[in-house]
Amino acid sequence: MRVLKVAAVLCCGLMLSACVAPLLAGAQSQLLWALIKPMVGLDPNEVNLFEQPLIKDRMQPLLGEHYGTAVNLLKTADEIQQQGPLFYVLSNNALTQPMADKAGFVWNSQSNQMAILLQQNGKQQIFSEPLAGSSEALTKNAGLSWPTEMQPLLQLQQQASHAVTSGVQQAVSGAASAASDVISTPTGAAANAVVAP
């Protein structure tokens, strides 16, 4: 009898936690909205945006070892901006070359998804939270929305990836063509052996 009561309590607890989790996620999104919305147009350093627990506690596990680098780059930004449901901060690096070290922070208020674009030493990485209720493997970077101001950074990455892919494809097709020529053109003693009656 006692075991049944404990099992019933555990089942009720599991069902309640399953019901409460989405509400808590929605509450976190509303809290983050209430935090960021009044800060639009302000300097993120003056309002300690990246020290706010609602943001810092999500960024640290998301970025891991890259957290310090990303925050240092983001501290060069001078304004929190908004484009539709997207709230973002983009670093201002004194170097203007296309692959200079840069970072961008985006929070989508509709999906409550946070993403960070980190460009360092000519390499770009995107760190993003999975969409709520989806498996991480399927939606890690799927459906990410980026503000217009960050689109040129993403296009540079796509162009660099395309150039690398094209270079690899050309090298492979060149090697295949050379191998085909070697195989189809008999040389030396083999050529004479084929021609002699």
N, C-alpha and C. Protein backbone atom coordinates (compact mmCIF):
# COMPACT_ATOMS: atom_id res chain seq x y z
N MET A 1 0.82 -1.19 0.00
CA MET A 1 0.00 0.00 0.00
C MET A 1 0.86 1.26 0.00
N ARG A 2 1.88 1.24 0.83
CA ARG A 2 2.77 2.40 0.94
C ARG A 2 3.53 2.61 -0.37
N VAL A 3 3.93 1.52 -1.02
CA VAL A 3 4.65 1.60 -2.30
C VAL A 3 3.78 2.23 -3.37
N LEU A 4 2.49 1.90 -3.37
CA LEU A 4 1.57 2.49 -4.35
C LEU A 4 1.42 3.99 -4.14
N LYS A 5 1.37 4.43 -2.88
CA LYS A 5 1.27 5.87 -2.59
C LYS A 5 2.51 6.62 -3.07
N VAL A 6 3.68 6.03 -2.82
CA VAL A 6 4.94 6.65 -3.26
C VAL A 6 4.99 6.71 -4.78
N ALA A 7 4.57 5.61 -5.42
CA ALA A 7 4.56 5.58 -6.89
C ALA A 7 3.60 6.63 -7.44
N ALA A 8 2.44 6.77 -6.81
CA ALA A 8 1.45 7.77 -7.26
C ALA A 8 2.00 9.18 -7.11
N VAL A 9 2.66 9.44 -5.99
CA VAL A 9 3.25 10.77 -5.77
C VAL A 9 4.33 11.05 -6.82
N LEU A 10 5.17 10.05 -7.09
CA LEU A 10 6.21 10.21 -8.11
C LEU A 10 5.63 10.46 -9.49
N CYS A 11 4.58 9.74 -9.85
CA CYS A 11 3.93 9.93 -11.15
C CYS A 11 3.34 11.34 -11.25
N CYS A 12 2.68 11.77 -10.20
CA CYS A 12 2.11 13.13 -10.19
C CYS A 12 3.22 14.17 -10.32
N GLY A 13 4.31 13.96 -9.61
CA GLY A 13 5.44 14.88 -9.69
C GLY A 13 6.01 14.96 -11.09
N LEU A 14 6.15 13.81 -11.76
CA LEU A 14 6.66 13.80 -13.13
C LEU A 14 5.72 14.51 -14.08
N MET A 15 4.42 14.27 -13.95
CA MET A 15 3.45 14.92 -14.83
C MET A 15 3.45 16.44 -14.60
N LEU A 16 3.52 16.86 -13.35
CA LEU A 16 3.55 18.29 -13.06
C LEU A 16 4.82 18.95 -13.60
N SER A 17 5.96 18.26 -13.46
CA SER A 17 7.19 18.85 -13.98
C SER A 17 7.15 18.96 -15.50
N ALA A 18 6.50 18.00 -16.16
CA ALA A 18 6.36 18.07 -17.62
C ALA A 18 5.46 19.24 -18.01
N CYS A 19 4.47 19.55 -17.18
CA CYS A 19 3.57 20.68 -17.47
C CYS A 19 4.21 22.02 -17.13
N VAL A 20 5.02 22.04 -16.09
CA VAL A 20 5.59 23.29 -15.60
C VAL A 20 6.80 23.73 -16.43
N ALA A 21 7.56 22.78 -16.99
CA ALA A 21 8.78 23.13 -17.73
C ALA A 21 8.52 24.11 -18.87
N PRO A 22 7.49 23.88 -19.73
CA PRO A 22 7.24 24.88 -20.78
C PRO A 22 6.84 26.24 -20.23
N LEU A 23 6.11 26.23 -19.10
CA LEU A 23 5.73 27.51 -18.49
C LEU A 23 6.97 28.27 -18.00
N LEU A 24 7.91 27.53 -17.42
CA LEU A 24 9.14 28.17 -16.95
C LEU A 24 9.95 28.73 -18.11
N ALA A 25 10.01 27.98 -19.23
CA ALA A 25 10.73 28.47 -20.41
C ALA A 25 10.08 29.74 -20.93
N GLY A 26 8.73 29.76 -20.93
CA GLY A 26 8.02 30.96 -21.37
C GLY A 26 8.26 32.12 -20.42
N ALA A 27 8.32 31.82 -19.13
CA ALA A 27 8.58 32.86 -18.13
C ALA A 27 9.99 33.42 -18.31
N GLN A 28 10.95 32.53 -18.61
CA GLN A 28 12.33 33.00 -18.82
C GLN A 28 12.39 33.92 -20.04
N SER A 29 11.67 33.56 -21.09
CA SER A 29 11.63 34.39 -22.29
C SER A 29 11.04 35.77 -21.97
N GLN A 30 9.97 35.79 -21.17
CA GLN A 30 9.35 37.07 -20.80
C GLN A 30 10.27 37.90 -19.92
N LEU A 31 10.99 37.25 -19.03
CA LEU A 31 11.95 37.98 -18.19
C LEU A 31 13.07 38.58 -19.02
N LEU A 32 13.57 37.79 -19.98
CA LEU A 32 14.64 38.28 -20.85
C LEU A 32 14.16 39.45 -21.71
N TRP A 33 12.92 39.35 -22.20
CA TRP A 33 12.32 40.45 -22.96
C TRP A 33 12.25 41.71 -22.10
N ALA A 34 11.78 41.54 -20.86
CA ALA A 34 11.65 42.68 -19.96
C ALA A 34 13.02 43.28 -19.62
N LEU A 35 14.06 42.45 -19.65
CA LEU A 35 15.40 42.94 -19.37
C LEU A 35 15.99 43.68 -20.58
N ILE A 36 15.91 43.07 -21.75
CA ILE A 36 16.60 43.61 -22.93
C ILE A 36 15.85 44.76 -23.60
N LYS A 37 14.54 44.67 -23.70
CA LYS A 37 13.76 45.66 -24.45
C LYS A 37 14.07 47.11 -24.03
N PRO A 38 14.11 47.44 -22.73
CA PRO A 38 14.40 48.83 -22.36
C PRO A 38 15.86 49.23 -22.62
N MET A 39 16.73 48.24 -22.87
CA MET A 39 18.15 48.54 -23.09
C MET A 39 18.50 48.83 -24.55
N VAL A 40 17.55 48.65 -25.46
CA VAL A 40 17.83 48.89 -26.88
C VAL A 40 18.30 50.33 -27.06
N GLY A 41 19.41 50.47 -27.76
CA GLY A 41 20.00 51.79 -28.00
C GLY A 41 21.07 52.17 -27.00
N LEU A 42 21.17 51.40 -25.92
CA LEU A 42 22.16 51.70 -24.88
C LEU A 42 23.45 50.92 -25.12
N ASP A 43 24.53 51.37 -24.50
CA ASP A 43 25.82 50.70 -24.57
C ASP A 43 25.75 49.45 -23.69
N PRO A 44 26.03 48.25 -24.26
CA PRO A 44 25.93 47.03 -23.45
C PRO A 44 26.90 47.00 -22.28
N ASN A 45 28.00 47.75 -22.37
CA ASN A 45 28.96 47.79 -21.27
C ASN A 45 28.45 48.62 -20.10
N GLU A 46 27.75 49.70 -20.40
CA GLU A 46 27.22 50.56 -19.35
C GLU A 46 26.12 49.88 -18.55
N VAL A 47 25.36 48.99 -19.22
CA VAL A 47 24.26 48.30 -18.53
C VAL A 47 24.65 46.87 -18.12
N ASN A 48 25.94 46.53 -18.31
CA ASN A 48 26.46 45.20 -17.95
C ASN A 48 25.60 44.06 -18.53
N LEU A 49 25.28 44.17 -19.82
CA LEU A 49 24.42 43.19 -20.46
C LEU A 49 24.93 41.77 -20.30
N PHE A 50 26.22 41.55 -20.53
CA PHE A 50 26.76 40.19 -20.52
C PHE A 50 27.08 39.69 -19.12
N GLU A 51 26.82 40.52 -18.10
CA GLU A 51 26.96 40.09 -16.71
C GLU A 51 25.60 39.77 -16.09
N GLN A 52 24.52 40.02 -16.84
CA GLN A 52 23.18 39.73 -16.33
C GLN A 52 23.02 38.21 -16.26
N PRO A 53 22.59 37.66 -15.11
CA PRO A 53 22.48 36.20 -14.96
C PRO A 53 21.63 35.52 -16.03
N LEU A 54 20.55 36.17 -16.48
CA LEU A 54 19.70 35.57 -17.51
C LEU A 54 20.45 35.33 -18.82
N ILE A 55 21.47 36.14 -19.08
CA ILE A 55 22.25 36.00 -20.31
C ILE A 55 23.52 35.21 -20.05
N LYS A 56 24.25 35.58 -19.02
CA LYS A 56 25.53 34.93 -18.71
C LYS A 56 25.36 33.43 -18.45
N ASP A 57 24.30 33.06 -17.72
CA ASP A 57 24.08 31.66 -17.38
C ASP A 57 23.74 30.81 -18.60
N ARG A 58 23.29 31.43 -19.68
CA ARG A 58 23.03 30.69 -20.92
C ARG A 58 24.23 30.71 -21.85
N MET A 59 24.96 31.82 -21.85
CA MET A 59 26.12 31.94 -22.75
C MET A 59 27.29 31.05 -22.33
N GLN A 60 27.55 30.94 -21.04
CA GLN A 60 28.71 30.16 -20.59
C GLN A 60 28.66 28.71 -21.04
N PRO A 61 27.57 27.98 -20.82
CA PRO A 61 27.56 26.59 -21.31
C PRO A 61 27.50 26.50 -22.83
N LEU A 62 26.88 27.49 -23.45
CA LEU A 62 26.77 27.48 -24.91
C LEU A 62 28.14 27.65 -25.58
N LEU A 63 28.95 28.57 -25.07
CA LEU A 63 30.24 28.87 -25.67
C LEU A 63 31.39 28.03 -25.11
N GLY A 64 31.25 27.55 -23.90
CA GLY A 64 32.32 26.75 -23.30
C GLY A 64 33.62 27.55 -23.22
N GLU A 65 34.70 26.98 -23.73
CA GLU A 65 36.02 27.62 -23.66
C GLU A 65 36.12 28.91 -24.47
N HIS A 66 35.15 29.16 -25.35
CA HIS A 66 35.18 30.37 -26.18
C HIS A 66 34.46 31.55 -25.51
N TYR A 67 33.92 31.33 -24.32
CA TYR A 67 33.14 32.37 -23.64
C TYR A 67 33.94 33.65 -23.44
N GLY A 68 35.12 33.56 -22.87
CA GLY A 68 35.93 34.74 -22.59
C GLY A 68 36.26 35.52 -23.85
N THR A 69 36.65 34.83 -24.91
CA THR A 69 36.99 35.49 -26.16
C THR A 69 35.79 36.22 -26.73
N ALA A 70 34.64 35.53 -26.76
CA ALA A 70 33.43 36.13 -27.32
C ALA A 70 33.02 37.37 -26.53
N VAL A 71 33.02 37.29 -25.22
CA VAL A 71 32.60 38.43 -24.40
C VAL A 71 33.58 39.59 -24.57
N ASN A 72 34.88 39.31 -24.64
CA ASN A 72 35.86 40.39 -24.85
C ASN A 72 35.61 41.10 -26.18
N LEU A 73 35.31 40.35 -27.22
CA LEU A 73 35.01 40.97 -28.52
C LEU A 73 33.69 41.74 -28.46
N LEU A 74 32.68 41.16 -27.80
CA LEU A 74 31.38 41.83 -27.70
C LEU A 74 31.44 43.11 -26.86
N LYS A 75 32.42 43.20 -25.96
CA LYS A 75 32.56 44.41 -25.15
C LYS A 75 33.03 45.60 -25.97
N THR A 76 33.44 45.37 -27.22
CA THR A 76 33.82 46.50 -28.09
C THR A 76 32.59 47.14 -28.73
N ALA A 77 31.42 46.51 -28.58
CA ALA A 77 30.18 47.04 -29.16
C ALA A 77 29.76 48.29 -28.39
N ASP A 78 29.03 49.16 -29.07
CA ASP A 78 28.60 50.39 -28.41
C ASP A 78 27.08 50.54 -28.35
N GLU A 79 26.33 49.51 -28.84
CA GLU A 79 24.88 49.66 -28.84
C GLU A 79 24.18 48.31 -28.89
N ILE A 80 23.12 48.18 -28.10
CA ILE A 80 22.22 47.04 -28.18
C ILE A 80 21.17 47.41 -29.22
N GLN A 81 20.97 46.52 -30.20
CA GLN A 81 20.09 46.86 -31.31
C GLN A 81 18.94 45.86 -31.41
N GLN A 82 17.89 46.28 -32.13
CA GLN A 82 16.74 45.41 -32.34
C GLN A 82 16.33 45.48 -33.80
N GLN A 83 16.02 44.31 -34.35
CA GLN A 83 15.44 44.23 -35.70
C GLN A 83 14.31 43.21 -35.62
N GLY A 84 13.08 43.68 -35.60
CA GLY A 84 11.93 42.79 -35.42
C GLY A 84 12.05 42.08 -34.09
N PRO A 85 11.93 40.74 -34.08
CA PRO A 85 12.03 40.00 -32.82
C PRO A 85 13.47 39.74 -32.38
N LEU A 86 14.43 40.18 -33.18
CA LEU A 86 15.84 39.91 -32.89
C LEU A 86 16.47 41.06 -32.11
N PHE A 87 17.10 40.73 -30.99
CA PHE A 87 17.88 41.68 -30.21
C PHE A 87 19.33 41.25 -30.38
N TYR A 88 20.20 42.20 -30.72
CA TYR A 88 21.57 41.78 -31.03
C TYR A 88 22.60 42.84 -30.66
N VAL A 89 23.84 42.33 -30.54
CA VAL A 89 25.00 43.17 -30.28
C VAL A 89 26.08 42.69 -31.24
N LEU A 90 26.71 43.61 -31.93
CA LEU A 90 27.77 43.28 -32.88
C LEU A 90 29.03 44.04 -32.49
N SER A 91 30.13 43.31 -32.39
CA SER A 91 31.39 43.93 -31.96
C SER A 91 31.87 44.96 -32.98
N ASN A 92 32.62 45.93 -32.49
CA ASN A 92 33.25 46.95 -33.34
C ASN A 92 34.75 46.75 -33.25
N ASN A 93 35.31 46.07 -34.22
CA ASN A 93 36.75 45.84 -34.22
C ASN A 93 37.41 46.96 -35.01
N ALA A 94 38.51 47.48 -34.50
CA ALA A 94 39.23 48.55 -35.19
C ALA A 94 39.74 48.08 -36.55
N LEU A 95 40.03 46.78 -36.67
CA LEU A 95 40.46 46.23 -37.95
C LEU A 95 39.24 46.04 -38.83
N THR A 96 39.31 46.53 -40.05
CA THR A 96 38.15 46.46 -40.93
C THR A 96 38.27 45.38 -41.99
N GLN A 97 39.37 44.64 -41.99
CA GLN A 97 39.51 43.60 -43.01
C GLN A 97 38.39 42.58 -42.83
N PRO A 98 37.98 41.91 -43.93
CA PRO A 98 36.81 41.03 -43.86
C PRO A 98 36.91 39.92 -42.81
N MET A 99 38.07 39.34 -42.61
CA MET A 99 38.18 38.23 -41.67
C MET A 99 38.80 38.65 -40.34
N ALA A 100 38.66 39.92 -39.96
CA ALA A 100 39.15 40.39 -38.65
C ALA A 100 38.32 39.74 -37.55
N ASP A 101 38.88 39.66 -36.35
CA ASP A 101 38.17 39.05 -35.22
C ASP A 101 36.91 39.86 -34.91
N LYS A 102 35.77 39.16 -34.86
CA LYS A 102 34.48 39.80 -34.60
C LYS A 102 33.61 38.82 -33.83
N ALA A 103 32.58 39.37 -33.21
CA ALA A 103 31.59 38.53 -32.53
C ALA A 103 30.23 39.21 -32.62
N GLY A 104 29.22 38.38 -32.68
CA GLY A 104 27.85 38.87 -32.71
C GLY A 104 26.99 38.03 -31.78
N PHE A 105 26.13 38.69 -31.02
CA PHE A 105 25.21 38.03 -30.10
C PHE A 105 23.80 38.32 -30.59
N VAL A 106 22.97 37.27 -30.69
CA VAL A 106 21.58 37.45 -31.14
C VAL A 106 20.67 36.66 -30.21
N TRP A 107 19.59 37.31 -29.78
CA TRP A 107 18.54 36.60 -29.06
C TRP A 107 17.24 36.82 -29.81
N ASN A 108 16.61 35.71 -30.20
CA ASN A 108 15.33 35.75 -30.91
C ASN A 108 14.22 35.66 -29.87
N SER A 109 13.47 36.74 -29.71
CA SER A 109 12.45 36.78 -28.67
C SER A 109 11.26 35.89 -28.99
N GLN A 110 11.06 35.53 -30.27
CA GLN A 110 9.94 34.65 -30.62
C GLN A 110 10.23 33.19 -30.25
N SER A 111 11.46 32.75 -30.54
CA SER A 111 11.80 31.34 -30.28
C SER A 111 12.59 31.16 -28.98
N ASN A 112 12.96 32.27 -28.33
CA ASN A 112 13.80 32.25 -27.12
C ASN A 112 15.12 31.52 -27.39
N GLN A 113 15.62 31.66 -28.61
CA GLN A 113 16.87 31.01 -29.00
C GLN A 113 17.99 32.04 -29.01
N MET A 114 19.10 31.67 -28.40
CA MET A 114 20.28 32.52 -28.33
C MET A 114 21.33 31.95 -29.27
N ALA A 115 22.02 32.84 -30.00
CA ALA A 115 23.08 32.40 -30.91
C ALA A 115 24.22 33.40 -30.86
N ILE A 116 25.42 32.89 -31.01
CA ILE A 116 26.63 33.72 -31.02
C ILE A 116 27.45 33.35 -32.25
N LEU A 117 27.84 34.37 -32.99
CA LEU A 117 28.73 34.21 -34.13
C LEU A 117 30.11 34.68 -33.68
N LEU A 118 31.11 33.83 -33.81
CA LEU A 118 32.47 34.16 -33.39
C LEU A 118 33.40 33.98 -34.57
N GLN A 119 34.07 35.05 -34.93
CA GLN A 119 35.05 35.01 -36.02
C GLN A 119 36.40 35.35 -35.41
N GLN A 120 37.31 34.37 -35.44
CA GLN A 120 38.61 34.55 -34.80
C GLN A 120 39.68 33.85 -35.63
N ASN A 121 40.79 34.56 -35.85
CA ASN A 121 41.92 34.02 -36.61
C ASN A 121 41.49 33.50 -37.98
N GLY A 122 40.56 34.21 -38.63
CA GLY A 122 40.12 33.83 -39.97
C GLY A 122 39.13 32.68 -40.01
N LYS A 123 38.70 32.17 -38.86
CA LYS A 123 37.74 31.07 -38.82
C LYS A 123 36.47 31.55 -38.15
N GLN A 124 35.35 31.05 -38.63
CA GLN A 124 34.06 31.43 -38.08
C GLN A 124 33.38 30.24 -37.43
N GLN A 125 32.76 30.49 -36.29
CA GLN A 125 32.00 29.46 -35.60
C GLN A 125 30.66 30.04 -35.19
N ILE A 126 29.63 29.21 -35.25
CA ILE A 126 28.30 29.61 -34.81
C ILE A 126 27.90 28.71 -33.65
N PHE A 127 27.55 29.33 -32.54
CA PHE A 127 27.08 28.62 -31.36
C PHE A 127 25.61 28.98 -31.18
N SER A 128 24.74 27.99 -31.15
CA SER A 128 23.32 28.30 -30.99
C SER A 128 22.64 27.26 -30.12
N GLU A 129 21.63 27.74 -29.41
CA GLU A 129 20.83 26.84 -28.60
C GLU A 129 19.84 26.12 -29.52
N PRO A 130 19.48 24.89 -29.16
CA PRO A 130 18.44 24.21 -29.95
C PRO A 130 17.10 24.89 -29.71
N LEU A 131 16.22 24.79 -30.69
CA LEU A 131 14.88 25.33 -30.50
C LEU A 131 14.16 24.52 -29.43
N ALA A 132 13.34 25.17 -28.64
CA ALA A 132 12.62 24.49 -27.55
C ALA A 132 11.74 23.38 -28.13
N GLY A 133 11.79 22.21 -27.49
CA GLY A 133 10.96 21.10 -27.91
C GLY A 133 11.50 20.33 -29.10
N SER A 134 12.73 20.62 -29.54
CA SER A 134 13.30 19.93 -30.69
C SER A 134 14.57 19.23 -30.26
N SER A 135 14.93 18.21 -31.02
CA SER A 135 16.17 17.52 -30.70
C SER A 135 17.35 18.38 -31.14
N GLU A 136 18.39 18.41 -30.33
CA GLU A 136 19.55 19.27 -30.59
C GLU A 136 20.22 18.92 -31.91
N ALA A 137 20.30 17.64 -32.22
CA ALA A 137 21.01 17.23 -33.42
C ALA A 137 20.34 17.75 -34.68
N LEU A 138 19.03 17.84 -34.68
CA LEU A 138 18.32 18.26 -35.89
C LEU A 138 18.26 19.76 -36.05
N THR A 139 18.23 20.51 -34.94
CA THR A 139 17.95 21.94 -35.06
C THR A 139 19.03 22.83 -34.46
N LYS A 140 20.23 22.32 -34.28
CA LYS A 140 21.29 23.12 -33.65
C LYS A 140 21.43 24.47 -34.34
N ASN A 141 21.61 24.49 -35.65
CA ASN A 141 21.74 25.75 -36.38
C ASN A 141 20.61 25.94 -37.38
N ALA A 142 19.65 25.03 -37.41
CA ALA A 142 18.56 25.14 -38.35
C ALA A 142 17.60 26.24 -37.92
N GLY A 143 17.14 26.99 -38.87
CA GLY A 143 16.14 28.01 -38.60
C GLY A 143 16.65 29.22 -37.85
N LEU A 144 17.95 29.40 -37.78
CA LEU A 144 18.49 30.58 -37.10
C LEU A 144 18.16 31.83 -37.90
N SER A 145 17.80 32.88 -37.20
CA SER A 145 17.56 34.16 -37.84
C SER A 145 18.68 35.11 -37.45
N TRP A 146 19.17 35.84 -38.44
CA TRP A 146 20.26 36.79 -38.20
C TRP A 146 19.83 38.17 -38.66
N PRO A 147 20.20 39.21 -37.93
CA PRO A 147 19.87 40.57 -38.36
C PRO A 147 20.62 40.93 -39.64
N THR A 148 20.08 41.88 -40.36
CA THR A 148 20.65 42.31 -41.64
C THR A 148 22.11 42.73 -41.49
N GLU A 149 22.44 43.38 -40.40
CA GLU A 149 23.80 43.88 -40.18
C GLU A 149 24.83 42.74 -40.09
N MET A 150 24.39 41.54 -39.72
CA MET A 150 25.31 40.41 -39.61
C MET A 150 25.38 39.57 -40.89
N GLN A 151 24.49 39.82 -41.84
CA GLN A 151 24.46 39.02 -43.07
C GLN A 151 25.79 39.03 -43.83
N PRO A 152 26.48 40.18 -43.95
CA PRO A 152 27.78 40.15 -44.66
C PRO A 152 28.79 39.21 -44.02
N LEU A 153 28.80 39.11 -42.70
CA LEU A 153 29.71 38.17 -42.02
C LEU A 153 29.39 36.73 -42.40
N LEU A 154 28.12 36.40 -42.42
CA LEU A 154 27.70 35.05 -42.76
C LEU A 154 27.99 34.74 -44.23
N GLN A 155 27.83 35.73 -45.10
CA GLN A 155 28.12 35.52 -46.52
C GLN A 155 29.60 35.29 -46.74
N LEU A 156 30.46 35.98 -45.98
CA LEU A 156 31.90 35.73 -46.09
C LEU A 156 32.22 34.28 -45.75
N GLN A 157 31.57 33.76 -44.71
CA GLN A 157 31.79 32.38 -44.31
C GLN A 157 31.32 31.43 -45.40
N GLN A 158 30.15 31.71 -45.98
CA GLN A 158 29.62 30.85 -47.03
C GLN A 158 30.53 30.89 -48.27
N GLN A 159 31.05 32.07 -48.61
CA GLN A 159 31.95 32.18 -49.75
C GLN A 159 33.25 31.43 -49.49
N ALA A 160 33.78 31.55 -48.28
CA ALA A 160 35.02 30.83 -47.95
C ALA A 160 34.79 29.33 -48.00
N SER A 161 33.65 28.86 -47.48
CA SER A 161 33.34 27.43 -47.52
C SER A 161 33.17 26.96 -48.95
N HIS A 162 32.52 27.78 -49.79
CA HIS A 162 32.32 27.42 -51.18
C HIS A 162 33.65 27.36 -51.92
N ALA A 163 34.55 28.30 -51.64
CA ALA A 163 35.87 28.31 -52.28
C ALA A 163 36.66 27.07 -51.91
N VAL A 164 36.60 26.67 -50.64
CA VAL A 164 37.32 25.47 -50.19
C VAL A 164 36.72 24.24 -50.86
N THR A 165 35.38 24.15 -50.89
CA THR A 165 34.72 23.01 -51.52
C THR A 165 35.05 22.94 -53.01
N SER A 166 35.02 24.09 -53.69
CA SER A 166 35.35 24.12 -55.12
C SER A 166 36.79 23.70 -55.35
N GLY A 167 37.70 24.17 -54.51
CA GLY A 167 39.11 23.81 -54.64
C GLY A 167 39.33 22.33 -54.46
N VAL A 168 38.64 21.74 -53.49
CA VAL A 168 38.76 20.30 -53.25
C VAL A 168 38.19 19.53 -54.44
N GLN A 169 37.04 19.98 -54.95
CA GLN A 169 36.43 19.30 -56.09
C GLN A 169 37.33 19.38 -57.32
N GLN A 170 37.95 20.53 -57.56
CA GLN A 170 38.86 20.67 -58.70
C GLN A 170 40.08 19.79 -58.53
N ALA A 171 40.61 19.72 -57.33
CA ALA A 171 41.79 18.88 -57.08
C ALA A 171 41.45 17.40 -57.29
N VAL A 172 40.28 16.99 -56.82
CA VAL A 172 39.87 15.60 -56.99
C VAL A 172 39.64 15.28 -58.45
N SER A 173 38.94 16.18 -59.19
CA SER A 173 38.69 15.90 -60.60
C SER A 173 39.99 15.94 -61.39
N GLY A 174 40.93 16.82 -61.02
CA GLY A 174 42.24 16.86 -61.68
C GLY A 174 43.02 15.58 -61.44
N ALA A 175 42.98 15.08 -60.22
CA ALA A 175 43.69 13.84 -59.90
C ALA A 175 43.04 12.67 -60.62
N ALA A 176 41.72 12.65 -60.70
CA ALA A 176 41.02 11.57 -61.40
C ALA A 176 41.34 11.61 -62.89
N SER A 177 41.41 12.80 -63.45
CA SER A 177 41.74 12.94 -64.87
C SER A 177 43.17 12.46 -65.14
N ALA A 178 44.10 12.82 -64.27
CA ALA A 178 45.50 12.40 -64.44
C ALA A 178 45.61 10.88 -64.31
N ALA A 179 44.87 10.31 -63.36
CA ALA A 179 44.90 8.86 -63.20
C ALA A 179 44.30 8.18 -64.42
N SER A 180 43.26 8.76 -64.98
CA SER A 180 42.63 8.21 -66.18
C SER A 180 43.60 8.23 -67.35
N ASP A 181 44.36 9.33 -67.51
CA ASP A 181 45.34 9.43 -68.58
C ASP A 181 46.43 8.39 -68.43
N VAL A 182 46.88 8.16 -67.22
CA VAL A 182 47.94 7.18 -66.97
C VAL A 182 47.45 5.78 -67.31
N ILE A 183 46.22 5.48 -66.93
CA ILE A 183 45.67 4.14 -67.16
C ILE A 183 45.41 3.92 -68.64
N SER A 184 44.92 4.92 -69.37
CA SER A 184 44.55 4.74 -70.78
C SER A 184 45.72 4.88 -71.74
N THR A 185 46.85 5.42 -71.30
CA THR A 185 48.00 5.60 -72.18
C THR A 185 49.10 4.62 -71.78
N PRO A 186 49.25 3.50 -72.54
CA PRO A 186 50.33 2.56 -72.20
C PRO A 186 51.66 3.16 -72.53
N THR A 187 52.65 2.91 -71.69
CA THR A 187 53.98 3.46 -71.91
C THR A 187 55.04 2.37 -71.85
N GLY A 188 56.19 2.65 -72.42
CA GLY A 188 57.38 1.80 -72.32
C GLY A 188 57.16 0.40 -72.85
N ALA A 189 57.63 -0.59 -72.10
CA ALA A 189 57.58 -1.97 -72.51
C ALA A 189 56.15 -2.46 -72.66
N ALA A 190 55.28 -1.95 -71.84
CA ALA A 190 53.87 -2.37 -71.93
C ALA A 190 53.28 -1.96 -73.26
N ALA A 191 53.61 -0.76 -73.75
CA ALA A 191 53.10 -0.29 -75.02
C ALA A 191 53.62 -1.15 -76.16
N ASN A 192 54.92 -1.50 -76.11
CA ASN A 192 55.49 -2.34 -77.16
C ASN A 192 54.92 -3.74 -77.14
N ALA A 193 54.64 -4.25 -75.94
CA ALA A 193 54.08 -5.60 -75.82
C ALA A 193 52.69 -5.66 -76.42
N VAL A 194 51.94 -4.58 -76.28
CA VAL A 194 50.59 -4.54 -76.82
C VAL A 194 50.63 -4.44 -78.34
N VAL A 195 51.57 -3.64 -78.89
CA VAL A 195 51.63 -3.39 -80.32
C VAL A 195 52.24 -4.57 -81.07
N ALA A 196 53.23 -5.27 -80.53
CA ALA A 196 53.92 -6.35 -81.23
C ALA A 196 52.98 -7.51 -81.50
N PRO A 197 53.07 -8.11 -82.77
CA PRO A 197 52.17 -9.21 -83.11
C PRO A 197 52.62 -10.53 -82.50
